[in-house]
Amino acid sequence: MTNGPEKEPPADRKSPVGKPVVRGDVSVTGAHAREAKAFDPDDPESVEEAALTVRAFAEGSPGREDNVYMLRGAAACAALVRGVGSYKGAAKRAGGETTVAFIRKWARVHDLPRSIRRHVAMGHIAPTAAKHIARVDGDARYQLAWAILDNSLTVREVRAIVSDINDGTTPERALRAHGVTLGEVTLSLPADLYRELRREAALAGEEPEQVVARALEKELE
């Protein structure tokens, strides 16, 4: 497939910390993209800068509670861990009020799939919700993220759902318990496309969602 969405790594793959792919994308972060900073875990100077960034992030720099700044902090946490070799060593290197738990949480946010981090950068998913998404593995991350977008889940609801999943409940059942129907999305179509969708569904004796699902399956396979 050459005209579809860019192929994305598995949901639980460790995300690279070199080029700021999301934070450096003008279409996502606008003017912030010019300020995007890369952290190289193999460069001692960059690791030191990451340590300073993590410390400032952990101590809550005044006036910097925006999504892009938090993603930068998450990238710095991931780079520092990889540069130093452990969460404990990273916390010690950053110093100040930095804890192992803090670094672990935010490094996991950086390792979320790019498609999810894009929505965090654009403000569609709160960074605090992203921390909870990062507590689960694999495709459950996508299911949670898209449920947030389509159902306006609160951070408290996301935290409860994640706790249920980590206690052994399937993602589908945990989401249903909070009123989420997986796969349900509202679409707005151009009038002519809507007309043809309804015509095709009527001729095939199907519901419109069956026609859409078949077309998407063919397009995304």
Protein backbone atom coordinates (compact mmCIF):
# COMPACT_ATOMS: atom_id res chain seq x y z
CA MET A 1 0.00 0.00 0.00
CA THR A 2 1.60 3.26 -1.07
CA ASN A 3 -1.01 5.89 -0.37
CA GLY A 4 -2.14 4.87 3.12
CA PRO A 5 -0.91 5.94 6.57
CA GLU A 6 2.73 5.60 7.46
CA LYS A 7 3.63 2.19 8.89
CA GLU A 8 4.06 2.42 12.65
CA PRO A 9 6.23 0.22 14.89
CA PRO A 10 4.52 -2.16 17.38
CA ALA A 11 2.76 -0.48 20.29
CA ASP A 12 5.28 -1.72 22.86
CA ARG A 13 8.45 -0.95 20.94
CA LYS A 14 11.02 1.34 22.57
CA SER A 15 10.77 4.65 20.77
CA PRO A 16 14.03 6.27 19.59
CA VAL A 17 15.16 9.42 21.35
CA GLY A 18 17.23 11.03 18.62
CA LYS A 19 15.28 13.21 16.19
CA PRO A 20 12.16 14.76 17.85
CA VAL A 21 9.73 13.28 15.33
CA VAL A 22 6.51 14.48 16.98
CA ARG A 23 7.75 17.59 18.77
CA GLY A 24 9.63 18.70 15.64
CA ASP A 25 6.63 18.35 13.32
CA VAL A 26 5.26 21.80 12.45
CA SER A 27 1.89 20.33 11.50
CA VAL A 28 1.56 19.00 15.06
CA THR A 29 3.23 21.51 17.36
CA GLY A 30 3.33 24.66 15.23
CA ALA A 31 5.84 27.25 16.46
CA HIS A 32 7.03 24.82 19.16
CA ALA A 33 8.61 22.69 16.41
CA ARG A 34 11.46 25.19 16.01
CA GLU A 35 12.33 24.72 19.68
CA ALA A 36 12.26 20.92 19.62
CA LYS A 37 15.35 19.40 21.20
CA ALA A 38 16.84 15.99 20.45
CA PHE A 39 18.50 13.99 23.21
CA ASP A 40 21.23 11.51 22.26
CA PRO A 41 21.84 8.81 24.91
CA ASP A 42 25.21 8.06 23.30
CA ASP A 43 26.48 11.66 23.62
CA PRO A 44 27.75 12.59 27.12
CA GLU A 45 26.93 16.28 26.63
CA SER A 46 23.43 15.46 25.46
CA VAL A 47 22.94 13.10 28.40
CA GLU A 48 23.95 15.90 30.76
CA GLU A 49 21.46 18.24 29.09
CA ALA A 50 18.82 15.54 29.47
CA ALA A 51 19.65 15.30 33.18
CA LEU A 52 19.18 19.05 33.62
CA THR A 53 15.92 18.91 31.67
CA VAL A 54 14.62 16.03 33.78
CA ARG A 55 15.48 17.81 37.01
CA ALA A 56 13.68 20.98 35.93
CA PHE A 57 10.75 18.88 34.73
CA ALA A 58 10.55 16.98 38.02
CA GLU A 59 10.65 20.19 40.02
CA GLY A 60 7.85 21.73 37.96
CA SER A 61 9.27 24.71 36.12
CA PRO A 62 6.71 27.53 36.53
CA GLY A 63 4.60 28.33 33.50
CA ARG A 64 5.65 25.28 31.49
CA GLU A 65 2.70 22.95 32.01
CA ASP A 66 1.94 22.56 28.32
CA ASN A 67 1.73 19.28 26.41
CA VAL A 68 4.78 19.82 24.21
CA TYR A 69 6.95 20.70 27.21
CA MET A 70 5.83 17.50 28.92
CA LEU A 71 6.69 15.42 25.86
CA ARG A 72 10.12 17.04 25.87
CA GLY A 73 10.49 16.04 29.52
CA ALA A 74 9.40 12.51 28.65
CA ALA A 75 12.02 12.31 25.88
CA ALA A 76 14.67 13.58 28.28
CA CYS A 77 13.69 10.90 30.82
CA ALA A 78 13.97 8.16 28.18
CA ALA A 79 17.34 9.43 26.95
CA LEU A 80 18.72 9.75 30.47
CA VAL A 81 17.70 6.19 31.37
CA ARG A 82 19.32 4.81 28.25
CA GLY A 83 22.40 6.96 28.63
CA VAL A 84 22.95 6.04 32.28
CA GLY A 85 21.68 2.47 32.08
CA SER A 86 19.04 2.32 34.82
CA TYR A 87 16.12 4.20 36.35
CA LYS A 88 17.93 4.45 39.67
CA GLY A 89 21.07 5.82 38.04
CA ALA A 90 19.01 8.28 35.99
CA ALA A 91 17.25 9.61 39.11
CA LYS A 92 20.57 10.03 40.88
CA ARG A 93 22.12 11.77 37.86
CA ALA A 94 19.22 14.23 37.60
CA GLY A 95 19.22 14.90 41.34
CA GLY A 96 16.97 17.34 43.13
CA GLU A 97 13.41 16.06 43.58
CA THR A 98 13.69 13.50 40.79
CA THR A 99 12.52 10.01 41.77
CA VAL A 100 12.77 6.63 40.09
CA ALA A 101 8.97 6.47 39.84
CA PHE A 102 8.83 9.87 38.11
CA ILE A 103 11.42 8.92 35.50
CA ARG A 104 9.86 5.52 34.87
CA LYS A 105 6.39 7.01 34.27
CA TRP A 106 7.55 9.66 31.82
CA ALA A 107 10.06 7.44 29.99
CA ARG A 108 7.14 5.10 29.31
CA VAL A 109 5.16 8.02 27.87
CA HIS A 110 7.96 8.64 25.40
CA ASP A 111 7.76 4.99 24.38
CA LEU A 112 4.08 5.27 23.46
CA PRO A 113 3.37 4.84 19.71
CA ARG A 114 3.91 7.96 17.63
CA SER A 115 0.24 8.14 16.63
CA ILE A 116 -0.72 8.45 20.29
CA ARG A 117 2.00 10.98 21.11
CA ARG A 118 0.79 13.14 18.22
CA HIS A 119 -2.60 13.47 19.92
CA VAL A 120 -0.85 14.32 23.20
CA ALA A 121 1.17 17.04 21.46
CA MET A 122 -1.99 18.48 19.87
CA GLY A 123 -3.78 18.57 23.23
CA HIS A 124 -6.36 15.90 22.39
CA ILE A 125 -5.01 13.54 25.09
CA ALA A 126 -3.84 14.97 28.40
CA PRO A 127 -0.25 14.06 29.37
CA THR A 128 -1.56 12.80 32.70
CA ALA A 129 -3.86 10.43 30.79
CA ALA A 130 -0.93 9.38 28.61
CA LYS A 131 0.94 8.30 31.75
CA HIS A 132 -1.87 5.84 32.49
CA ILE A 133 -2.05 4.61 28.87
CA ALA A 134 1.67 3.81 29.15
CA ARG A 135 0.94 1.47 32.08
CA VAL A 136 -0.61 -1.11 29.73
CA ASP A 137 1.01 -2.99 26.87
CA GLY A 138 0.40 -3.73 23.23
CA ASP A 139 -2.84 -2.94 21.44
CA ALA A 140 -4.55 -1.96 24.70
CA ARG A 141 -2.66 1.32 24.38
CA TYR A 142 -4.40 2.09 21.10
CA GLN A 143 -7.79 1.02 22.44
CA LEU A 144 -7.44 3.36 25.41
CA ALA A 145 -6.17 6.28 23.36
CA TRP A 146 -8.93 6.06 20.77
CA ALA A 147 -11.53 5.61 23.52
CA ILE A 148 -10.33 8.89 25.04
CA LEU A 149 -10.72 10.67 21.70
CA ASP A 150 -14.15 9.24 20.88
CA ASN A 151 -15.69 9.22 24.35
CA SER A 152 -14.09 12.18 26.15
CA LEU A 153 -12.88 9.97 29.00
CA THR A 154 -11.53 11.81 32.02
CA VAL A 155 -8.11 11.11 33.49
CA ARG A 156 -9.83 9.52 36.49
CA GLU A 157 -11.77 7.17 34.21
CA VAL A 158 -8.63 6.26 32.28
CA ARG A 159 -6.81 5.49 35.53
CA ALA A 160 -9.68 3.25 36.68
CA ILE A 161 -9.80 1.41 33.35
CA VAL A 162 -6.04 0.84 33.40
CA SER A 163 -6.21 -0.48 36.96
CA ASP A 164 -8.93 -2.94 35.87
CA ILE A 165 -6.81 -4.11 32.92
CA ASN A 166 -3.74 -4.58 35.10
CA ASP A 167 -5.90 -6.59 37.52
CA GLY A 168 -6.68 -9.04 34.71
CA THR A 169 -9.79 -7.62 33.06
CA THR A 170 -9.68 -7.59 29.26
CA PRO A 171 -9.43 -4.10 27.70
CA GLU A 172 -12.77 -4.63 25.96
CA ARG A 173 -14.59 -5.49 29.17
CA ALA A 174 -12.88 -2.73 31.16
CA LEU A 175 -13.89 -0.15 28.56
CA ARG A 176 -17.47 -1.43 28.33
CA ALA A 177 -17.78 -1.10 32.11
CA HIS A 178 -17.15 2.63 31.63
CA GLY A 179 -19.66 3.05 28.82
CA VAL A 180 -17.26 2.70 25.89
CA THR A 181 -18.34 0.70 22.84
CA LEU A 182 -15.20 -0.26 20.95
CA GLY A 183 -15.33 0.46 17.24
CA GLU A 184 -18.04 3.10 17.52
CA VAL A 185 -17.12 6.36 15.81
CA THR A 186 -19.13 9.23 14.28
CA LEU A 187 -18.12 10.24 10.76
CA SER A 188 -18.98 13.35 8.75
CA LEU A 189 -18.86 12.69 5.01
CA PRO A 190 -19.13 14.95 1.95
CA ALA A 191 -22.72 14.97 0.70
CA ASP A 192 -22.00 13.13 -2.54
CA LEU A 193 -19.98 10.42 -0.77
CA TYR A 194 -22.73 10.01 1.82
CA ARG A 195 -25.31 9.65 -0.96
CA GLU A 196 -23.29 6.92 -2.67
CA LEU A 197 -22.63 5.13 0.64
CA ARG A 198 -26.34 4.95 1.36
CA ARG A 199 -27.09 3.82 -2.21
CA GLU A 200 -24.45 1.08 -2.08
CA ALA A 201 -25.68 -0.13 1.31
CA ALA A 202 -29.29 -0.24 0.12
CA LEU A 203 -28.43 -2.22 -3.02
CA ALA A 204 -26.31 -4.67 -1.01
CA GLY A 205 -28.95 -5.04 1.70
CA GLU A 206 -26.42 -3.95 4.32
CA GLU A 207 -26.00 -1.24 6.90
CA PRO A 208 -23.67 1.68 6.00
CA GLU A 209 -21.10 0.62 8.62
CA GLN A 210 -20.71 -2.76 6.87
CA VAL A 211 -19.86 -1.03 3.59
CA VAL A 212 -17.45 1.34 5.35
CA ALA A 213 -15.78 -1.50 7.27
CA ARG A 214 -15.25 -3.53 4.10
CA ALA A 215 -13.80 -0.55 2.23
CA LEU A 216 -11.47 0.34 5.11
CA GLU A 217 -10.33 -3.24 5.53
CA LYS A 218 -9.39 -3.34 1.86
CA GLU A 219 -7.67 0.06 2.04
CA LEU A 220 -5.68 -0.63 5.22
CA GLU A 221 -4.72 -4.27 4.66
